[in-house]
Amino acid sequence: MSFVYVFVGGGLGSICRYGLARLAPAAGYFPLGTWLANAVSCVVLGALVALAAKETLAEEYRWLLVTGFCGGFSTFSTFSNELVQLLRQEQYIWAGGYLVASLAVGLLGIIVGMRIIGG
């Protein structure tokens, strides 16, 4: 039954990511939609992990929200492809900024999400 939760959550997360990408187009060479999706997903994931650690998040919700929604909403493959495209276009400063900003915001997002819950 867990695959149904992952399927539904992943579909919802993917649709939300698509919508966000349409609302937040690239700013110059910076892929804003992907960056925002990954940043928000990290905050949500941090909060969900903290809830799971406190055993206040049922297993079904972990499948639905952590593996499904956050997995569908965030996108490492698109991030990697956009980074490679920036490098191929010789946009080294944009590529470096995108890499650093993505890693920093991702890590901070997890921490912020956990702290929101008190984890």
N, C-alpha and C. Protein backbone atom coordinates (compact mmCIF):
# COMPACT_ATOMS: atom_id res chain seq x y z
N MET A 1 0.81 -1.20 0.00
CA MET A 1 0.00 0.00 0.00
C MET A 1 0.86 1.27 0.00
N SER A 2 2.10 1.16 0.50
CA SER A 2 2.96 2.35 0.57
C SER A 2 3.20 2.96 -0.80
N PHE A 3 3.24 2.13 -1.85
CA PHE A 3 3.49 2.66 -3.18
C PHE A 3 2.37 3.60 -3.64
N VAL A 4 1.16 3.39 -3.16
CA VAL A 4 0.04 4.28 -3.51
C VAL A 4 0.27 5.65 -2.90
N TYR A 5 0.71 5.68 -1.65
CA TYR A 5 1.00 6.96 -0.99
C TYR A 5 2.13 7.70 -1.70
N VAL A 6 3.17 6.97 -2.06
CA VAL A 6 4.30 7.58 -2.77
C VAL A 6 3.84 8.09 -4.14
N PHE A 7 3.03 7.30 -4.82
CA PHE A 7 2.51 7.67 -6.14
C PHE A 7 1.69 8.97 -6.06
N VAL A 8 0.77 9.03 -5.13
CA VAL A 8 -0.08 10.21 -4.99
C VAL A 8 0.74 11.43 -4.57
N GLY A 9 1.58 11.25 -3.55
CA GLY A 9 2.42 12.36 -3.09
C GLY A 9 3.38 12.85 -4.16
N GLY A 10 3.99 11.91 -4.88
CA GLY A 10 4.92 12.29 -5.95
C GLY A 10 4.22 13.04 -7.07
N GLY A 11 3.02 12.61 -7.41
CA GLY A 11 2.26 13.32 -8.44
C GLY A 11 1.92 14.73 -8.02
N LEU A 12 1.46 14.88 -6.77
CA LEU A 12 1.13 16.23 -6.27
C LEU A 12 2.37 17.11 -6.20
N GLY A 13 3.47 16.55 -5.73
CA GLY A 13 4.71 17.32 -5.65
C GLY A 13 5.20 17.76 -7.02
N SER A 14 5.10 16.87 -8.00
CA SER A 14 5.53 17.21 -9.36
C SER A 14 4.67 18.30 -9.97
N ILE A 15 3.36 18.23 -9.75
CA ILE A 15 2.46 19.26 -10.26
C ILE A 15 2.76 20.60 -9.61
N CYS A 16 3.01 20.58 -8.30
CA CYS A 16 3.35 21.83 -7.60
C CYS A 16 4.67 22.41 -8.11
N ARG A 17 5.64 21.55 -8.36
CA ARG A 17 6.93 22.03 -8.90
C ARG A 17 6.74 22.65 -10.27
N TYR A 18 5.96 22.00 -11.11
CA TYR A 18 5.68 22.54 -12.44
C TYR A 18 5.01 23.91 -12.33
N GLY A 19 4.03 24.03 -11.45
CA GLY A 19 3.35 25.31 -11.25
C GLY A 19 4.29 26.38 -10.76
N LEU A 20 5.15 26.04 -9.83
CA LEU A 20 6.12 27.01 -9.30
C LEU A 20 7.09 27.45 -10.39
N ALA A 21 7.53 26.52 -11.21
CA ALA A 21 8.45 26.85 -12.30
C ALA A 21 7.79 27.80 -13.30
N ARG A 22 6.49 27.64 -13.51
CA ARG A 22 5.77 28.54 -14.41
C ARG A 22 5.59 29.92 -13.79
N LEU A 23 5.42 29.97 -12.47
CA LEU A 23 5.23 31.25 -11.78
C LEU A 23 6.54 31.99 -11.56
N ALA A 24 7.62 31.26 -11.46
CA ALA A 24 8.93 31.86 -11.16
C ALA A 24 9.93 31.50 -12.26
N PRO A 25 9.85 32.16 -13.41
CA PRO A 25 10.79 31.85 -14.49
C PRO A 25 12.21 32.27 -14.12
N ALA A 26 13.13 31.87 -14.94
CA ALA A 26 14.55 32.18 -14.69
C ALA A 26 14.75 33.69 -14.55
N ALA A 27 15.60 34.05 -13.61
CA ALA A 27 15.99 35.45 -13.41
C ALA A 27 17.37 35.61 -14.02
N GLY A 28 17.43 36.14 -15.22
CA GLY A 28 18.70 36.15 -15.94
C GLY A 28 19.04 34.72 -16.30
N TYR A 29 20.19 34.28 -15.88
CA TYR A 29 20.59 32.89 -16.10
C TYR A 29 20.24 32.00 -14.90
N PHE A 30 19.77 32.60 -13.82
CA PHE A 30 19.52 31.85 -12.58
C PHE A 30 18.18 31.12 -12.67
N PRO A 31 18.16 29.77 -12.55
CA PRO A 31 16.93 28.98 -12.63
C PRO A 31 16.11 29.10 -11.34
N LEU A 32 15.37 30.18 -11.22
CA LEU A 32 14.68 30.51 -9.97
C LEU A 32 13.65 29.47 -9.56
N GLY A 33 12.86 28.97 -10.50
CA GLY A 33 11.81 28.00 -10.16
C GLY A 33 12.36 26.74 -9.51
N THR A 34 13.40 26.17 -10.09
CA THR A 34 14.01 24.97 -9.54
C THR A 34 14.61 25.26 -8.17
N TRP A 35 15.30 26.39 -8.07
CA TRP A 35 15.93 26.77 -6.81
C TRP A 35 14.89 26.93 -5.70
N LEU A 36 13.78 27.61 -6.00
CA LEU A 36 12.71 27.79 -5.00
C LEU A 36 12.08 26.46 -4.62
N ALA A 37 11.82 25.61 -5.61
CA ALA A 37 11.22 24.30 -5.31
C ALA A 37 12.12 23.49 -4.39
N ASN A 38 13.41 23.46 -4.67
CA ASN A 38 14.33 22.71 -3.83
C ASN A 38 14.46 23.33 -2.45
N ALA A 39 14.46 24.66 -2.36
CA ALA A 39 14.57 25.33 -1.06
C ALA A 39 13.34 25.05 -0.20
N VAL A 40 12.16 25.22 -0.76
CA VAL A 40 10.92 24.97 -0.02
C VAL A 40 10.83 23.51 0.38
N SER A 41 11.20 22.62 -0.53
CA SER A 41 11.15 21.20 -0.24
C SER A 41 12.06 20.83 0.93
N CYS A 42 13.21 21.47 1.02
CA CYS A 42 14.13 21.19 2.13
C CYS A 42 13.55 21.64 3.47
N VAL A 43 12.88 22.79 3.49
CA VAL A 43 12.24 23.25 4.74
C VAL A 43 11.15 22.27 5.14
N VAL A 44 10.30 21.90 4.19
CA VAL A 44 9.22 20.96 4.47
C VAL A 44 9.78 19.61 4.91
N LEU A 45 10.81 19.14 4.22
CA LEU A 45 11.42 17.86 4.58
C LEU A 45 12.01 17.90 5.99
N GLY A 46 12.69 18.99 6.33
CA GLY A 46 13.24 19.12 7.67
C GLY A 46 12.16 19.05 8.73
N ALA A 47 11.04 19.73 8.50
CA ALA A 47 9.93 19.70 9.45
C ALA A 47 9.34 18.29 9.56
N LEU A 48 9.18 17.62 8.43
CA LEU A 48 8.61 16.27 8.45
C LEU A 48 9.53 15.27 9.12
N VAL A 49 10.83 15.40 8.90
CA VAL A 49 11.80 14.51 9.55
C VAL A 49 11.75 14.72 11.07
N ALA A 50 11.64 15.98 11.49
CA ALA A 50 11.55 16.26 12.93
C ALA A 50 10.27 15.66 13.51
N LEU A 51 9.17 15.76 12.79
CA LEU A 51 7.93 15.15 13.26
C LEU A 51 8.06 13.63 13.33
N ALA A 52 8.68 13.04 12.33
CA ALA A 52 8.87 11.59 12.31
C ALA A 52 9.75 11.14 13.47
N ALA A 53 10.77 11.94 13.80
CA ALA A 53 11.66 11.59 14.91
C ALA A 53 10.92 11.62 16.24
N LYS A 54 9.91 12.48 16.33
CA LYS A 54 9.10 12.55 17.56
C LYS A 54 7.97 11.53 17.54
N GLU A 55 7.93 10.74 16.48
CA GLU A 55 6.91 9.71 16.30
C GLU A 55 5.51 10.29 16.29
N THR A 56 5.37 11.51 15.76
CA THR A 56 4.05 12.13 15.63
C THR A 56 3.58 12.15 14.18
N LEU A 57 4.34 11.52 13.31
CA LEU A 57 3.97 11.45 11.89
C LEU A 57 3.78 9.99 11.53
N ALA A 58 2.56 9.62 11.24
CA ALA A 58 2.24 8.23 10.90
C ALA A 58 3.02 7.78 9.67
N GLU A 59 3.29 6.49 9.61
CA GLU A 59 4.08 5.95 8.51
C GLU A 59 3.46 6.27 7.15
N GLU A 60 2.15 6.24 7.04
CA GLU A 60 1.48 6.55 5.77
C GLU A 60 1.79 7.97 5.33
N TYR A 61 1.82 8.90 6.28
CA TYR A 61 2.11 10.29 5.95
C TYR A 61 3.58 10.47 5.57
N ARG A 62 4.44 9.67 6.16
CA ARG A 62 5.85 9.73 5.75
C ARG A 62 6.00 9.32 4.29
N TRP A 63 5.32 8.24 3.90
CA TRP A 63 5.37 7.81 2.50
C TRP A 63 4.78 8.88 1.59
N LEU A 64 3.63 9.42 1.99
CA LEU A 64 2.92 10.41 1.18
C LEU A 64 3.71 11.71 1.05
N LEU A 65 4.19 12.22 2.18
CA LEU A 65 4.79 13.56 2.21
C LEU A 65 6.30 13.58 2.02
N VAL A 66 7.02 12.71 2.71
CA VAL A 66 8.48 12.73 2.63
C VAL A 66 8.95 12.14 1.31
N THR A 67 8.65 10.87 1.10
CA THR A 67 9.11 10.20 -0.12
C THR A 67 8.35 10.70 -1.34
N GLY A 68 7.04 10.82 -1.23
CA GLY A 68 6.22 11.21 -2.36
C GLY A 68 6.29 12.69 -2.69
N PHE A 69 5.66 13.53 -1.85
CA PHE A 69 5.56 14.95 -2.16
C PHE A 69 6.92 15.62 -2.27
N CYS A 70 7.75 15.48 -1.24
CA CYS A 70 9.07 16.15 -1.29
C CYS A 70 9.93 15.59 -2.41
N GLY A 71 9.82 14.29 -2.66
CA GLY A 71 10.57 13.69 -3.76
C GLY A 71 10.13 14.22 -5.11
N GLY A 72 8.82 14.44 -5.27
CA GLY A 72 8.31 14.97 -6.53
C GLY A 72 8.50 16.47 -6.67
N PHE A 73 8.45 17.18 -5.55
CA PHE A 73 8.56 18.64 -5.58
C PHE A 73 10.00 19.10 -5.77
N SER A 74 10.92 18.43 -5.12
CA SER A 74 12.34 18.79 -5.29
C SER A 74 12.87 18.07 -6.53
N THR A 75 14.00 18.54 -7.03
CA THR A 75 14.51 17.92 -8.24
C THR A 75 16.02 18.08 -8.37
N PHE A 76 16.73 17.06 -8.00
CA PHE A 76 18.18 17.09 -8.12
C PHE A 76 18.61 16.97 -9.57
N SER A 77 17.89 16.18 -10.34
CA SER A 77 18.27 15.99 -11.74
C SER A 77 18.13 17.28 -12.55
N THR A 78 17.05 18.03 -12.34
CA THR A 78 16.88 19.29 -13.05
C THR A 78 17.94 20.29 -12.60
N PHE A 79 18.20 20.34 -11.30
CA PHE A 79 19.26 21.20 -10.78
C PHE A 79 20.59 20.88 -11.47
N SER A 80 20.93 19.60 -11.54
CA SER A 80 22.19 19.19 -12.16
C SER A 80 22.24 19.54 -13.63
N ASN A 81 21.15 19.31 -14.34
CA ASN A 81 21.10 19.64 -15.76
C ASN A 81 21.23 21.15 -15.98
N GLU A 82 20.54 21.94 -15.19
CA GLU A 82 20.64 23.40 -15.33
C GLU A 82 22.05 23.88 -15.04
N LEU A 83 22.69 23.27 -14.07
CA LEU A 83 24.07 23.62 -13.74
C LEU A 83 25.00 23.30 -14.92
N VAL A 84 24.84 22.13 -15.50
CA VAL A 84 25.66 21.74 -16.66
C VAL A 84 25.40 22.69 -17.83
N GLN A 85 24.14 23.06 -18.04
CA GLN A 85 23.83 23.98 -19.14
C GLN A 85 24.49 25.34 -18.93
N LEU A 86 24.50 25.83 -17.70
CA LEU A 86 25.19 27.09 -17.41
C LEU A 86 26.69 26.96 -17.71
N LEU A 87 27.28 25.84 -17.34
CA LEU A 87 28.70 25.63 -17.62
C LEU A 87 28.96 25.54 -19.12
N ARG A 88 28.09 24.87 -19.85
CA ARG A 88 28.25 24.75 -21.30
C ARG A 88 28.11 26.11 -22.00
N GLN A 89 27.32 26.99 -21.39
CA GLN A 89 27.15 28.34 -21.93
C GLN A 89 28.24 29.29 -21.44
N GLU A 90 29.18 28.72 -20.71
CA GLU A 90 30.31 29.48 -20.14
C GLU A 90 29.85 30.59 -19.20
N GLN A 91 28.76 30.33 -18.51
CA GLN A 91 28.24 31.24 -17.50
C GLN A 91 28.75 30.77 -16.13
N TYR A 92 30.05 30.87 -15.95
CA TYR A 92 30.71 30.29 -14.78
C TYR A 92 30.30 30.97 -13.47
N ILE A 93 30.11 32.26 -13.50
CA ILE A 93 29.71 32.96 -12.27
C ILE A 93 28.29 32.57 -11.90
N TRP A 94 27.38 32.52 -12.88
CA TRP A 94 26.02 32.08 -12.61
C TRP A 94 26.00 30.64 -12.11
N ALA A 95 26.81 29.79 -12.73
CA ALA A 95 26.87 28.38 -12.33
C ALA A 95 27.38 28.24 -10.91
N GLY A 96 28.45 28.96 -10.60
CA GLY A 96 28.99 28.91 -9.24
C GLY A 96 28.01 29.44 -8.22
N GLY A 97 27.35 30.53 -8.55
CA GLY A 97 26.35 31.10 -7.65
C GLY A 97 25.19 30.15 -7.43
N TYR A 98 24.74 29.52 -8.51
CA TYR A 98 23.63 28.57 -8.43
C TYR A 98 24.01 27.36 -7.57
N LEU A 99 25.21 26.86 -7.75
CA LEU A 99 25.68 25.72 -6.97
C LEU A 99 25.76 26.07 -5.49
N VAL A 100 26.42 27.16 -5.17
CA VAL A 100 26.58 27.56 -3.76
C VAL A 100 25.23 27.90 -3.13
N ALA A 101 24.41 28.67 -3.85
CA ALA A 101 23.11 29.06 -3.31
C ALA A 101 22.21 27.85 -3.09
N SER A 102 22.26 26.88 -3.99
CA SER A 102 21.43 25.69 -3.85
C SER A 102 21.86 24.84 -2.66
N LEU A 103 23.15 24.62 -2.52
CA LEU A 103 23.63 23.81 -1.40
C LEU A 103 23.40 24.51 -0.07
N ALA A 104 23.71 25.80 -0.01
CA ALA A 104 23.55 26.54 1.24
C ALA A 104 22.08 26.60 1.67
N VAL A 105 21.21 26.94 0.73
CA VAL A 105 19.79 27.06 1.06
C VAL A 105 19.19 25.69 1.38
N GLY A 106 19.66 24.66 0.70
CA GLY A 106 19.17 23.31 1.00
C GLY A 106 19.51 22.88 2.41
N LEU A 107 20.75 23.06 2.80
CA LEU A 107 21.16 22.69 4.16
C LEU A 107 20.47 23.56 5.21
N LEU A 108 20.42 24.85 4.96
CA LEU A 108 19.74 25.75 5.90
C LEU A 108 18.25 25.44 5.96
N GLY A 109 17.67 25.08 4.83
CA GLY A 109 16.25 24.74 4.80
C GLY A 109 15.93 23.54 5.68
N ILE A 110 16.75 22.52 5.63
CA ILE A 110 16.55 21.35 6.50
C ILE A 110 16.63 21.77 7.96
N ILE A 111 17.64 22.56 8.31
CA ILE A 111 17.81 23.02 9.69
C ILE A 111 16.62 23.86 10.13
N VAL A 112 16.20 24.79 9.30
CA VAL A 112 15.05 25.65 9.64
C VAL A 112 13.80 24.81 9.83
N GLY A 113 13.54 23.88 8.91
CA GLY A 113 12.38 23.01 9.04
C GLY A 113 12.39 22.21 10.32
N MET A 114 13.54 21.69 10.69
CA MET A 114 13.65 20.93 11.94
C MET A 114 13.43 21.82 13.15
N ARG A 115 13.96 23.02 13.10
CA ARG A 115 13.81 23.94 14.24
C ARG A 115 12.38 24.43 14.39
N ILE A 116 11.67 24.57 13.30
CA ILE A 116 10.27 24.98 13.37
C ILE A 116 9.49 23.98 14.22
N ILE A 117 9.81 22.72 14.07
CA ILE A 117 9.13 21.66 14.81
C ILE A 117 9.76 21.45 16.19
N GLY A 118 10.97 21.93 16.35
CA GLY A 118 11.65 21.75 17.63
C GLY A 118 12.56 20.54 17.64
N GLY A 119 13.04 20.16 16.48
CA GLY A 119 13.90 18.98 16.37
C GLY A 119 15.35 19.34 16.26
